[in-house]
Amino acid sequence: MAGEANPKREGFFSKTDLPTVDKKWKGRNKFLRALNYVEKELHRHLWRGIQCCTHCKHTQTIAEYALDGWEWSGLYNHYIDQHDVRPSPAFIVFIEKEYATRHG
């Protein structure tokens, strides 16, 4: 995706690179509210094709988001919400700060 030369990437998984699950993460709902808000405000980059969840085979159009040196999968929200995936601490801080800035 166009943008920064070396963006920080989050939420891109494969059969050999599976996400970390944390069913006890207490901040999930707060983070998902922030992520949903930020994503609604951004342009989603769509690609031809379908991406598939490595856990449940949920499919959707291939999509990515990019903002301030970060890129993340359009399917990441699904992984967090449906499969208890916990983002990296840096991505959590980034999204929560972006939400606070945009939401007020």
Protein backbone atom coordinates (compact mmCIF):
# COMPACT_ATOMS: atom_id res chain seq x y z
CA MET A 1 0.00 0.00 0.00
CA ALA A 2 1.28 3.50 -0.75
CA GLY A 3 2.39 5.61 2.17
CA GLU A 4 5.33 5.48 4.50
CA ALA A 5 8.43 3.58 3.43
CA ASN A 6 8.34 1.26 6.45
CA PRO A 7 4.89 1.41 8.03
CA LYS A 8 4.06 -0.39 11.23
CA ARG A 9 1.70 -3.22 10.23
CA GLU A 10 -0.94 -4.77 12.41
CA GLY A 11 -3.54 -7.50 11.93
CA PHE A 12 -2.14 -9.29 8.89
CA PHE A 13 -2.21 -13.04 9.59
CA SER A 14 -1.71 -16.28 7.72
CA LYS A 15 -1.91 -19.98 8.47
CA THR A 16 1.71 -19.87 9.66
CA ASP A 17 1.53 -16.48 11.40
CA LEU A 18 -1.47 -16.70 13.72
CA PRO A 19 -2.59 -13.93 16.10
CA THR A 20 -2.24 -14.04 19.87
CA VAL A 21 -5.51 -14.68 21.68
CA ASP A 22 -6.23 -13.06 25.07
CA LYS A 23 -9.71 -13.92 26.37
CA LYS A 24 -9.06 -12.01 29.60
CA TRP A 25 -8.29 -8.62 28.00
CA LYS A 26 -10.49 -6.15 29.88
CA GLY A 27 -10.00 -3.24 27.43
CA ARG A 28 -11.49 -4.98 24.39
CA ASN A 29 -14.85 -3.14 24.26
CA LYS A 30 -13.27 0.27 24.82
CA PHE A 31 -10.68 -0.41 22.13
CA LEU A 32 -13.27 -1.70 19.63
CA ARG A 33 -15.36 1.48 20.08
CA ALA A 34 -12.27 3.55 19.35
CA LEU A 35 -11.21 1.40 16.38
CA ASN A 36 -14.71 1.45 14.86
CA TYR A 37 -14.86 5.23 15.17
CA VAL A 38 -11.43 5.77 13.63
CA GLU A 39 -12.10 3.33 10.78
CA LYS A 40 -15.40 5.05 9.90
CA GLU A 41 -13.52 8.33 9.50
CA LEU A 42 -10.83 6.87 7.23
CA HIS A 43 -10.76 5.91 3.58
CA ARG A 44 -10.66 2.14 3.32
CA HIS A 45 -8.35 0.88 0.57
CA LEU A 46 -10.14 -1.97 -1.21
CA TRP A 47 -8.45 -4.56 -3.38
CA ARG A 48 -9.84 -7.15 -5.75
CA GLY A 49 -10.31 -10.45 -4.04
CA ILE A 50 -11.48 -11.94 -0.77
CA GLN A 51 -9.63 -12.34 2.50
CA CYS A 52 -10.49 -15.14 4.88
CA CYS A 53 -10.28 -15.33 8.67
CA THR A 54 -7.75 -17.97 9.75
CA HIS A 55 -10.04 -19.00 12.65
CA CYS A 56 -13.60 -19.23 11.30
CA LYS A 57 -13.28 -18.69 7.55
CA HIS A 58 -15.35 -15.45 7.67
CA THR A 59 -14.70 -13.67 4.38
CA GLN A 60 -14.80 -10.10 3.17
CA THR A 61 -13.35 -7.94 0.43
CA ILE A 62 -9.62 -7.38 0.91
CA ALA A 63 -9.22 -4.03 2.63
CA GLU A 64 -6.59 -2.05 4.49
CA TYR A 65 -6.50 1.13 6.52
CA ALA A 66 -3.53 3.49 6.74
CA LEU A 67 -2.90 6.40 9.08
CA ASP A 68 0.19 8.18 10.39
CA GLY A 69 2.69 5.43 9.67
CA TRP A 70 0.39 2.53 10.57
CA GLU A 71 -1.35 0.05 8.28
CA TRP A 72 -3.87 -2.55 9.42
CA SER A 73 -6.09 -5.17 7.88
CA GLY A 74 -9.77 -4.49 7.31
CA LEU A 75 -10.36 -7.90 8.89
CA TYR A 76 -8.52 -6.97 12.10
CA ASN A 77 -11.68 -5.68 13.77
CA HIS A 78 -13.26 -9.12 13.20
CA TYR A 79 -10.29 -10.91 14.81
CA ILE A 80 -10.44 -8.66 17.88
CA ASP A 81 -14.23 -8.81 18.25
CA GLN A 82 -14.92 -12.45 17.38
CA HIS A 83 -11.70 -14.26 18.34
CA ASP A 84 -10.33 -12.34 21.34
CA VAL A 85 -7.19 -11.20 19.52
CA ARG A 86 -5.32 -8.52 21.43
CA PRO A 87 -3.48 -5.87 19.38
CA SER A 88 0.03 -4.81 20.21
CA PRO A 89 0.34 -2.28 23.05
CA ALA A 90 1.67 0.33 20.60
CA PHE A 91 -1.34 -0.07 18.29
CA ILE A 92 -3.76 0.18 21.23
CA VAL A 93 -2.16 3.45 22.33
CA PHE A 94 -2.14 4.78 18.75
CA ILE A 95 -5.85 4.06 18.13
CA GLU A 96 -6.98 5.31 21.55
CA LYS A 97 -5.06 8.59 21.09
CA GLU A 98 -6.47 8.98 17.57
CA TYR A 99 -9.99 8.37 18.90
CA ALA A 100 -9.53 10.95 21.65
CA THR A 101 -8.27 13.50 19.11
CA ARG A 102 -11.11 12.89 16.64
CA HIS A 103 -13.93 12.32 19.10
CA GLY A 104 -13.02 15.10 21.50
